[in-house]
Amino acid sequence: MYSILTEPLDKKDILMTRIKRPIEDFIIKRYLKRVGENKNVH
């Protein structure tokens, strides 16, 4: 999984990024936890 970091286009974009970042972090941590669990099963 790769993340692409870019500069915000305008000030509105900065606000949206700050709102979405915790949600993205939660999803990534959950995904990595599940992938780790599946590796231990095989």
PDB file of N, CA and C in Angstrom:
ATOM      1  N   MET A   1       0.859  -1.164   0.000  1.00  0.00           N
ATOM      2  CA  MET A   1       0.000   0.000   0.000  1.00  0.00           C
ATOM      3  C   MET A   1       0.906   1.228   0.000  1.00  0.00           C
ATOM      4  N   TYR A   2       0.608   2.162  -0.883  1.00  0.00           N
ATOM      5  CA  TYR A   2       1.394   3.378  -0.988  1.00  0.00           C
ATOM      6  C   TYR A   2       0.503   4.586  -0.766  1.00  0.00           C
ATOM      7  N   SER A   3       1.071   5.615  -0.194  1.00  0.00           N
ATOM      8  CA  SER A   3       0.359   6.861   0.015  1.00  0.00           C
ATOM      9  C   SER A   3       1.022   7.941  -0.832  1.00  0.00           C
ATOM     10  N   ILE A   4       0.222   8.756  -1.477  1.00  0.00           N
ATOM     11  CA  ILE A   4       0.747   9.830  -2.301  1.00  0.00           C
ATOM     12  C   ILE A   4       0.483  11.142  -1.581  1.00  0.00           C
ATOM     13  N   LEU A   5       1.539  11.880  -1.276  1.00  0.00           N
ATOM     14  CA  LEU A   5       1.408  13.153  -0.589  1.00  0.00           C
ATOM     15  C   LEU A   5       1.547  14.280  -1.598  1.00  0.00           C
ATOM     16  N   THR A   6       0.610  15.190  -1.584  1.00  0.00           N
ATOM     17  CA  THR A   6       0.648  16.344  -2.476  1.00  0.00           C
ATOM     18  C   THR A   6       0.336  17.599  -1.678  1.00  0.00           C
ATOM     19  N   GLU A   7       0.688  18.737  -2.236  1.00  0.00           N
ATOM     20  CA  GLU A   7       0.372  20.012  -1.610  1.00  0.00           C
ATOM     21  C   GLU A   7      -1.120  20.291  -1.760  1.00  0.00           C
ATOM     22  N   PRO A   8      -1.757  20.871  -0.745  1.00  0.00           N
ATOM     23  CA  PRO A   8      -3.166  21.242  -0.870  1.00  0.00           C
ATOM     24  C   PRO A   8      -3.359  22.284  -1.970  1.00  0.00           C
ATOM     25  N   LEU A   9      -4.485  22.213  -2.659  1.00  0.00           N
ATOM     26  CA  LEU A   9      -4.751  23.138  -3.747  1.00  0.00           C
ATOM     27  C   LEU A   9      -5.148  24.518  -3.246  1.00  0.00           C
ATOM     28  N   ASP A  10      -5.930  24.575  -2.198  1.00  0.00           N
ATOM     29  CA  ASP A  10      -6.317  25.859  -1.619  1.00  0.00           C
ATOM     30  C   ASP A  10      -6.619  25.669  -0.139  1.00  0.00           C
ATOM     31  N   LYS A  11      -7.016  26.735   0.539  1.00  0.00           N
ATOM     32  CA  LYS A  11      -7.246  26.655   1.985  1.00  0.00           C
ATOM     33  C   LYS A  11      -8.382  25.704   2.333  1.00  0.00           C
ATOM     34  N   LYS A  12      -9.382  25.604   1.484  1.00  0.00           N
ATOM     35  CA  LYS A  12     -10.481  24.669   1.719  1.00  0.00           C
ATOM     36  C   LYS A  12      -9.963  23.240   1.714  1.00  0.00           C
ATOM     37  N   ASP A  13      -9.034  22.961   0.831  1.00  0.00           N
ATOM     38  CA  ASP A  13      -8.451  21.621   0.746  1.00  0.00           C
ATOM     39  C   ASP A  13      -7.678  21.282   2.020  1.00  0.00           C
ATOM     40  N   ILE A  14      -7.035  22.272   2.618  1.00  0.00           N
ATOM     41  CA  ILE A  14      -6.296  22.045   3.864  1.00  0.00           C
ATOM     42  C   ILE A  14      -7.262  21.579   4.957  1.00  0.00           C
ATOM     43  N   LEU A  15      -8.415  22.232   5.045  1.00  0.00           N
ATOM     44  CA  LEU A  15      -9.411  21.858   6.044  1.00  0.00           C
ATOM     45  C   LEU A  15      -9.906  20.435   5.816  1.00  0.00           C
ATOM     46  N   MET A  16     -10.213  20.093   4.582  1.00  0.00           N
ATOM     47  CA  MET A  16     -10.699  18.738   4.277  1.00  0.00           C
ATOM     48  C   MET A  16      -9.638  17.692   4.610  1.00  0.00           C
ATOM     49  N   THR A  17      -8.390  18.002   4.344  1.00  0.00           N
ATOM     50  CA  THR A  17      -7.307  17.069   4.654  1.00  0.00           C
ATOM     51  C   THR A  17      -7.208  16.851   6.159  1.00  0.00           C
ATOM     52  N   ARG A  18      -7.326  17.906   6.932  1.00  0.00           N
ATOM     53  CA  ARG A  18      -7.240  17.781   8.384  1.00  0.00           C
ATOM     54  C   ARG A  18      -8.409  16.967   8.941  1.00  0.00           C
ATOM     55  N   ILE A  19      -9.551  17.025   8.282  1.00  0.00           N
ATOM     56  CA  ILE A  19     -10.715  16.256   8.728  1.00  0.00           C
ATOM     57  C   ILE A  19     -10.551  14.785   8.347  1.00  0.00           C
ATOM     58  N   LYS A  20     -10.064  14.521   7.147  1.00  0.00           N
ATOM     59  CA  LYS A  20      -9.980  13.142   6.650  1.00  0.00           C
ATOM     60  C   LYS A  20      -8.785  12.368   7.204  1.00  0.00           C
ATOM     61  N   ARG A  21      -7.723  13.044   7.603  1.00  0.00           N
ATOM     62  CA  ARG A  21      -6.497  12.351   8.032  1.00  0.00           C
ATOM     63  C   ARG A  21      -6.730  11.355   9.163  1.00  0.00           C
ATOM     64  N   PRO A  22      -7.439  11.703  10.244  1.00  0.00           N
ATOM     65  CA  PRO A  22      -7.663  10.704  11.310  1.00  0.00           C
ATOM     66  C   PRO A  22      -8.463   9.504  10.818  1.00  0.00           C
ATOM     67  N   ILE A  23      -9.403   9.730   9.918  1.00  0.00           N
ATOM     68  CA  ILE A  23     -10.198   8.623   9.370  1.00  0.00           C
ATOM     69  C   ILE A  23      -9.296   7.705   8.552  1.00  0.00           C
ATOM     70  N   GLU A  24      -8.423   8.292   7.730  1.00  0.00           N
ATOM     71  CA  GLU A  24      -7.500   7.488   6.930  1.00  0.00           C
ATOM     72  C   GLU A  24      -6.563   6.692   7.825  1.00  0.00           C
ATOM     73  N   ASP A  25      -6.050   7.327   8.887  1.00  0.00           N
ATOM     74  CA  ASP A  25      -5.148   6.631   9.809  1.00  0.00           C
ATOM     75  C   ASP A  25      -5.847   5.441  10.464  1.00  0.00           C
ATOM     76  N   PHE A  26      -7.102   5.617  10.860  1.00  0.00           N
ATOM     77  CA  PHE A  26      -7.872   4.535  11.472  1.00  0.00           C
ATOM     78  C   PHE A  26      -8.019   3.361  10.501  1.00  0.00           C
ATOM     79  N   ILE A  27      -8.352   3.666   9.252  1.00  0.00           N
ATOM     80  CA  ILE A  27      -8.550   2.615   8.251  1.00  0.00           C
ATOM     81  C   ILE A  27      -7.238   1.889   7.974  1.00  0.00           C
ATOM     82  N   ILE A  28      -6.140   2.630   7.863  1.00  0.00           N
ATOM     83  CA  ILE A  28      -4.832   2.009   7.596  1.00  0.00           C
ATOM     84  C   ILE A  28      -4.421   1.104   8.755  1.00  0.00           C
ATOM     85  N   LYS A  29      -4.570   1.570   9.993  1.00  0.00           N
ATOM     86  CA  LYS A  29      -4.200   0.743  11.146  1.00  0.00           C
ATOM     87  C   LYS A  29      -5.034  -0.528  11.205  1.00  0.00           C
ATOM     88  N   ARG A  30      -6.315  -0.402  10.915  1.00  0.00           N
ATOM     89  CA  ARG A  30      -7.207  -1.569  10.922  1.00  0.00           C
ATOM     90  C   ARG A  30      -6.801  -2.565   9.838  1.00  0.00           C
ATOM     91  N   TYR A  31      -6.477  -2.040   8.652  1.00  0.00           N
ATOM     92  CA  TYR A  31      -6.042  -2.891   7.543  1.00  0.00           C
ATOM     93  C   TYR A  31      -4.748  -3.616   7.896  1.00  0.00           C
ATOM     94  N   LEU A  32      -3.780  -2.896   8.423  1.00  0.00           N
ATOM     95  CA  LEU A  32      -2.494  -3.517   8.753  1.00  0.00           C
ATOM     96  C   LEU A  32      -2.652  -4.571   9.843  1.00  0.00           C
ATOM     97  N   LYS A  33      -3.558  -4.336  10.780  1.00  0.00           N
ATOM     98  CA  LYS A  33      -3.801  -5.316  11.835  1.00  0.00           C
ATOM     99  C   LYS A  33      -4.373  -6.599  11.241  1.00  0.00           C
ATOM    100  N   ARG A  34      -5.322  -6.470  10.320  1.00  0.00           N
ATOM    101  CA  ARG A  34      -5.919  -7.658   9.693  1.00  0.00           C
ATOM    102  C   ARG A  34      -4.906  -8.401   8.832  1.00  0.00           C
ATOM    103  N   VAL A  35      -4.082  -7.677   8.111  1.00  0.00           N
ATOM    104  CA  VAL A  35      -3.057  -8.321   7.287  1.00  0.00           C
ATOM    105  C   VAL A  35      -2.085  -9.085   8.171  1.00  0.00           C
ATOM    106  N   GLY A  36      -1.706  -8.488   9.301  1.00  0.00           N
ATOM    107  CA  GLY A  36      -0.810  -9.152  10.242  1.00  0.00           C
ATOM    108  C   GLY A  36      -1.422 -10.400  10.823  1.00  0.00           C
ATOM    109  N   GLU A  37      -2.708 -10.371  11.125  1.00  0.00           N
ATOM    110  CA  GLU A  37      -3.390 -11.544  11.660  1.00  0.00           C
ATOM    111  C   GLU A  37      -3.436 -12.665  10.629  1.00  0.00           C
ATOM    112  N   ASN A  38      -3.663 -12.318   9.374  1.00  0.00           N
ATOM    113  CA  ASN A  38      -3.731 -13.336   8.328  1.00  0.00           C
ATOM    114  C   ASN A  38      -2.362 -13.981   8.082  1.00  0.00           C
ATOM    115  N   LYS A  39      -1.282 -13.237   8.249  1.00  0.00           N
ATOM    116  CA  LYS A  39       0.048 -13.804   8.054  1.00  0.00           C
ATOM    117  C   LYS A  39       0.363 -14.823   9.138  1.00  0.00           C
ATOM    118  N   ASN A  40      -0.148 -14.605  10.340  1.00  0.00           N
ATOM    119  CA  ASN A  40       0.108 -15.534  11.437  1.00  0.00           C
ATOM    120  C   ASN A  40      -0.661 -16.842  11.301  1.00  0.00           C
ATOM    121  N   VAL A  41      -1.737 -16.831  10.531  1.00  0.00           N
ATOM    122  CA  VAL A  41      -2.586 -18.023  10.369  1.00  0.00           C
ATOM    123  C   VAL A  41      -1.916 -19.020   9.430  1.00  0.00           C
ATOM    124  N   HIS A  42      -1.260 -18.539   8.386  1.00  0.00           N
ATOM    125  CA  HIS A  42      -0.690 -19.440   7.371  1.00  0.00           C
ATOM    126  C   HIS A  42       0.566 -20.009   7.822  1.00  0.00           C
TER     127      HIS A  42
END
